[in-house]
N, C-alpha and C. Protein backbone atom coordinates (compact mmCIF):
# COMPACT_ATOMS: atom_id res chain seq x y z
N MET A 1 89.33 43.44 193.01
CA MET A 1 89.98 42.74 194.09
C MET A 1 91.48 42.78 193.85
N LYS A 2 92.23 43.22 194.83
CA LYS A 2 93.68 43.30 194.71
C LYS A 2 94.31 42.01 195.20
N ARG A 3 95.24 41.49 194.42
CA ARG A 3 95.91 40.25 194.77
C ARG A 3 97.20 40.58 195.49
N THR A 4 97.50 39.84 196.55
CA THR A 4 98.78 39.98 197.23
C THR A 4 99.58 38.72 197.01
N ARG A 5 100.86 38.87 196.97
CA ARG A 5 101.74 37.71 196.74
C ARG A 5 102.14 37.09 198.07
N ALA A 6 102.15 35.76 198.09
CA ALA A 6 102.54 35.03 199.29
C ALA A 6 104.05 35.12 199.47
N SER A 7 104.47 35.14 200.70
CA SER A 7 105.90 35.15 201.01
C SER A 7 106.48 33.79 200.68
N ARG A 8 107.69 33.76 200.16
CA ARG A 8 108.35 32.49 199.85
C ARG A 8 108.64 31.68 201.11
N SER A 9 108.64 32.31 202.28
CA SER A 9 108.89 31.56 203.50
C SER A 9 107.65 30.81 203.97
N SER A 10 106.50 31.13 203.38
CA SER A 10 105.25 30.47 203.74
C SER A 10 105.25 29.04 203.21
N PRO A 11 104.79 28.06 204.00
CA PRO A 11 104.74 26.69 203.51
C PRO A 11 103.74 26.51 202.38
N ASN A 12 102.82 27.45 202.21
CA ASN A 12 101.82 27.36 201.15
C ASN A 12 102.15 28.26 199.97
N ALA A 13 103.34 28.87 199.97
CA ALA A 13 103.74 29.76 198.88
C ALA A 13 103.83 28.96 197.59
N PRO A 14 103.42 29.55 196.44
CA PRO A 14 103.48 28.82 195.17
C PRO A 14 104.92 28.53 194.76
N LEU A 15 105.09 27.42 194.07
CA LEU A 15 106.42 27.01 193.60
C LEU A 15 106.52 27.20 192.09
N ALA A 16 107.73 27.35 191.62
CA ALA A 16 107.98 27.39 190.18
C ALA A 16 107.62 26.04 189.58
N ALA A 17 107.26 26.03 188.31
CA ALA A 17 106.88 24.78 187.64
C ALA A 17 107.99 23.75 187.78
N GLY A 18 107.64 22.55 188.20
CA GLY A 18 108.60 21.46 188.33
C GLY A 18 109.36 21.46 189.65
N ALA A 19 109.24 22.50 190.45
CA ALA A 19 109.97 22.57 191.72
C ALA A 19 109.25 21.73 192.78
N GLN A 20 110.01 21.25 193.71
CA GLN A 20 109.44 20.49 194.82
C GLN A 20 109.74 21.23 196.11
N ARG A 21 108.76 21.26 197.00
CA ARG A 21 108.93 21.95 198.26
C ARG A 21 110.11 21.34 199.02
N GLY A 22 110.98 22.20 199.52
CA GLY A 22 112.14 21.76 200.28
C GLY A 22 113.32 21.37 199.41
N SER A 23 113.19 21.51 198.10
CA SER A 23 114.26 21.11 197.20
C SER A 23 114.95 22.33 196.62
N VAL A 24 116.15 22.61 197.10
CA VAL A 24 116.93 23.74 196.58
C VAL A 24 117.40 23.43 195.17
N ASP A 25 117.67 22.17 194.87
CA ASP A 25 118.17 21.78 193.55
C ASP A 25 117.17 22.08 192.45
N ALA A 26 115.89 22.23 192.79
CA ALA A 26 114.89 22.52 191.77
C ALA A 26 115.09 23.91 191.19
N VAL A 27 115.77 24.81 191.93
CA VAL A 27 115.95 26.18 191.47
C VAL A 27 117.42 26.49 191.18
N THR A 28 118.34 25.88 191.92
CA THR A 28 119.76 26.15 191.75
C THR A 28 120.51 24.85 191.52
N ASP A 29 121.74 24.97 191.01
CA ASP A 29 122.56 23.77 190.86
C ASP A 29 123.28 23.48 192.17
N SER A 30 124.12 22.46 192.21
CA SER A 30 124.76 22.04 193.45
C SER A 30 125.69 23.10 194.04
N SER A 31 126.16 24.04 193.24
CA SER A 31 127.04 25.08 193.76
C SER A 31 126.25 26.22 194.40
N GLY A 32 124.92 26.16 194.32
CA GLY A 32 124.10 27.22 194.87
C GLY A 32 123.85 28.33 193.87
N GLN A 33 124.44 28.23 192.69
CA GLN A 33 124.24 29.23 191.64
C GLN A 33 123.11 28.78 190.72
N GLY A 34 122.44 29.72 190.10
CA GLY A 34 121.42 29.37 189.12
C GLY A 34 122.08 28.69 187.94
N ALA A 35 121.34 27.86 187.26
CA ALA A 35 121.89 27.17 186.09
C ALA A 35 122.33 28.20 185.06
N PRO A 36 123.57 28.10 184.53
CA PRO A 36 124.10 29.13 183.63
C PRO A 36 123.32 29.28 182.33
N ASP A 37 122.70 28.21 181.84
CA ASP A 37 121.98 28.30 180.58
C ASP A 37 120.49 28.52 180.78
N ALA A 38 120.05 28.66 182.01
CA ALA A 38 118.64 28.87 182.28
C ALA A 38 118.27 30.33 182.01
N SER A 39 117.19 30.53 181.29
CA SER A 39 116.74 31.90 181.05
C SER A 39 115.90 32.35 182.24
N PRO A 40 115.86 33.65 182.50
CA PRO A 40 115.07 34.14 183.63
C PRO A 40 113.59 33.90 183.37
N PRO A 41 112.82 33.77 184.42
CA PRO A 41 111.38 33.55 184.23
C PRO A 41 110.73 34.76 183.55
N ASP A 42 109.74 34.50 182.75
CA ASP A 42 109.00 35.56 182.07
C ASP A 42 107.94 36.09 183.05
N LEU A 43 108.30 37.13 183.77
CA LEU A 43 107.42 37.65 184.82
C LEU A 43 106.12 38.20 184.25
N ASP A 44 106.15 38.74 183.04
CA ASP A 44 104.92 39.24 182.42
C ASP A 44 103.95 38.09 182.14
N ALA A 45 104.48 36.97 181.66
CA ALA A 45 103.63 35.81 181.39
C ALA A 45 103.08 35.23 182.69
N ILE A 46 103.90 35.20 183.72
CA ILE A 46 103.45 34.70 185.02
C ILE A 46 102.33 35.61 185.56
N GLU A 47 102.52 36.91 185.46
CA GLU A 47 101.50 37.86 185.91
C GLU A 47 100.20 37.68 185.13
N ALA A 48 100.30 37.47 183.82
CA ALA A 48 99.10 37.25 183.01
C ALA A 48 98.39 35.97 183.43
N ASP A 49 99.16 34.90 183.72
CA ASP A 49 98.56 33.65 184.19
C ASP A 49 97.85 33.86 185.52
N LEU A 50 98.49 34.57 186.43
CA LEU A 50 97.87 34.84 187.73
C LEU A 50 96.59 35.66 187.58
N ASP A 51 96.61 36.63 186.67
CA ASP A 51 95.42 37.43 186.41
C ASP A 51 94.28 36.57 185.87
N ALA A 52 94.62 35.63 184.98
CA ALA A 52 93.60 34.74 184.41
C ALA A 52 93.02 33.82 185.48
N VAL A 53 93.86 33.33 186.38
CA VAL A 53 93.38 32.49 187.47
C VAL A 53 92.47 33.31 188.39
N GLN A 54 92.88 34.53 188.72
CA GLN A 54 92.05 35.38 189.57
C GLN A 54 90.70 35.67 188.91
N ALA A 55 90.71 35.92 187.60
CA ALA A 55 89.46 36.17 186.88
C ALA A 55 88.55 34.94 186.95
N ALA A 56 89.13 33.74 186.80
CA ALA A 56 88.33 32.51 186.89
C ALA A 56 87.76 32.35 188.30
N LEU A 57 88.56 32.63 189.31
CA LEU A 57 88.07 32.55 190.70
C LEU A 57 86.95 33.56 190.95
N ASP A 58 87.11 34.76 190.40
CA ASP A 58 86.06 35.78 190.54
C ASP A 58 84.77 35.33 189.85
N ARG A 59 84.91 34.71 188.66
CA ARG A 59 83.72 34.21 187.96
C ARG A 59 83.07 33.08 188.73
N LEU A 60 83.87 32.23 189.38
CA LEU A 60 83.29 31.18 190.22
C LEU A 60 82.50 31.79 191.37
N ALA A 61 83.07 32.79 192.02
CA ALA A 61 82.41 33.45 193.14
C ALA A 61 81.12 34.14 192.70
N ASP A 62 81.12 34.67 191.46
CA ASP A 62 79.94 35.37 190.93
C ASP A 62 78.95 34.43 190.27
N ASP A 63 79.27 33.13 190.23
CA ASP A 63 78.46 32.11 189.59
C ASP A 63 78.30 32.36 188.08
N THR A 64 79.35 32.91 187.46
CA THR A 64 79.33 33.13 186.01
C THR A 64 80.44 32.36 185.30
N TYR A 65 81.11 31.48 186.01
CA TYR A 65 82.24 30.73 185.47
C TYR A 65 81.85 29.93 184.23
N TRP A 66 80.67 29.39 184.20
CA TRP A 66 80.23 28.51 183.12
C TRP A 66 79.60 29.26 181.97
N THR A 67 79.68 30.60 181.98
CA THR A 67 79.01 31.43 180.98
C THR A 67 80.01 32.21 180.15
N ASP A 68 79.82 32.20 178.82
CA ASP A 68 80.65 32.99 177.90
C ASP A 68 80.48 34.46 178.25
N GLU A 69 81.59 35.17 178.43
CA GLU A 69 81.54 36.56 178.85
C GLU A 69 80.93 37.49 177.80
N VAL A 70 80.99 37.12 176.53
CA VAL A 70 80.50 37.99 175.47
C VAL A 70 79.06 37.63 175.08
N THR A 71 78.83 36.35 174.82
CA THR A 71 77.52 35.94 174.31
C THR A 71 76.53 35.59 175.41
N GLY A 72 77.02 35.24 176.59
CA GLY A 72 76.13 34.82 177.67
C GLY A 72 75.71 33.37 177.56
N GLU A 73 76.19 32.69 176.53
CA GLU A 73 75.85 31.27 176.36
C GLU A 73 76.71 30.41 177.28
N ALA A 74 76.22 29.21 177.54
CA ALA A 74 76.95 28.28 178.41
C ALA A 74 78.24 27.83 177.73
N ILE A 75 79.30 27.73 178.50
CA ILE A 75 80.56 27.16 178.01
C ILE A 75 80.49 25.66 178.27
N PRO A 76 80.67 24.83 177.25
CA PRO A 76 80.58 23.38 177.45
C PRO A 76 81.59 22.88 178.49
N LEU A 77 81.16 21.93 179.28
CA LEU A 77 82.01 21.36 180.32
C LEU A 77 83.31 20.81 179.72
N ALA A 78 83.23 20.20 178.53
CA ALA A 78 84.44 19.64 177.90
C ALA A 78 85.46 20.74 177.63
N VAL A 79 85.00 21.94 177.27
CA VAL A 79 85.91 23.06 177.03
C VAL A 79 86.55 23.48 178.34
N LEU A 80 85.76 23.61 179.40
CA LEU A 80 86.29 24.02 180.70
C LEU A 80 87.23 22.98 181.29
N GLU A 81 86.98 21.70 181.00
CA GLU A 81 87.88 20.65 181.50
C GLU A 81 89.24 20.72 180.85
N THR A 82 89.30 21.09 179.57
CA THR A 82 90.58 21.16 178.88
C THR A 82 91.26 22.51 179.03
N GLU A 83 90.47 23.56 179.22
CA GLU A 83 91.00 24.93 179.36
C GLU A 83 90.21 25.66 180.45
N PRO A 84 90.54 25.38 181.72
CA PRO A 84 89.73 25.91 182.83
C PRO A 84 89.74 27.44 182.97
N LEU A 85 90.65 28.14 182.29
CA LEU A 85 90.70 29.59 182.40
C LEU A 85 89.96 30.28 181.25
N THR A 86 89.34 29.49 180.37
CA THR A 86 88.69 30.09 179.21
C THR A 86 87.53 30.99 179.64
N ARG A 87 87.33 32.03 178.85
CA ARG A 87 86.24 32.97 179.14
C ARG A 87 85.23 32.99 178.01
N ARG A 88 85.52 32.27 176.93
CA ARG A 88 84.65 32.23 175.75
C ARG A 88 84.39 30.79 175.37
N ALA A 89 83.20 30.52 174.86
CA ALA A 89 82.84 29.16 174.43
C ALA A 89 83.52 28.79 173.14
């Protein structure tokens, strides 16, 4: 399944961590410039997180979300509650 990215103009587009919808200050300072000491987002890490979320959604759709991908054993609910993207028990 190929994932497409939502347009930032969409009201349902994902926000950066800590950002609030309609808040320009969450991303830029009052001058409209990015914060000078802010490091750029790690796009590789974001892509990996999105891939993990998509894999979890695919497992939910396949009814295998609660099953260890390697052993086939059930993943305890407590594990899934603390780490919902886990694939191993």
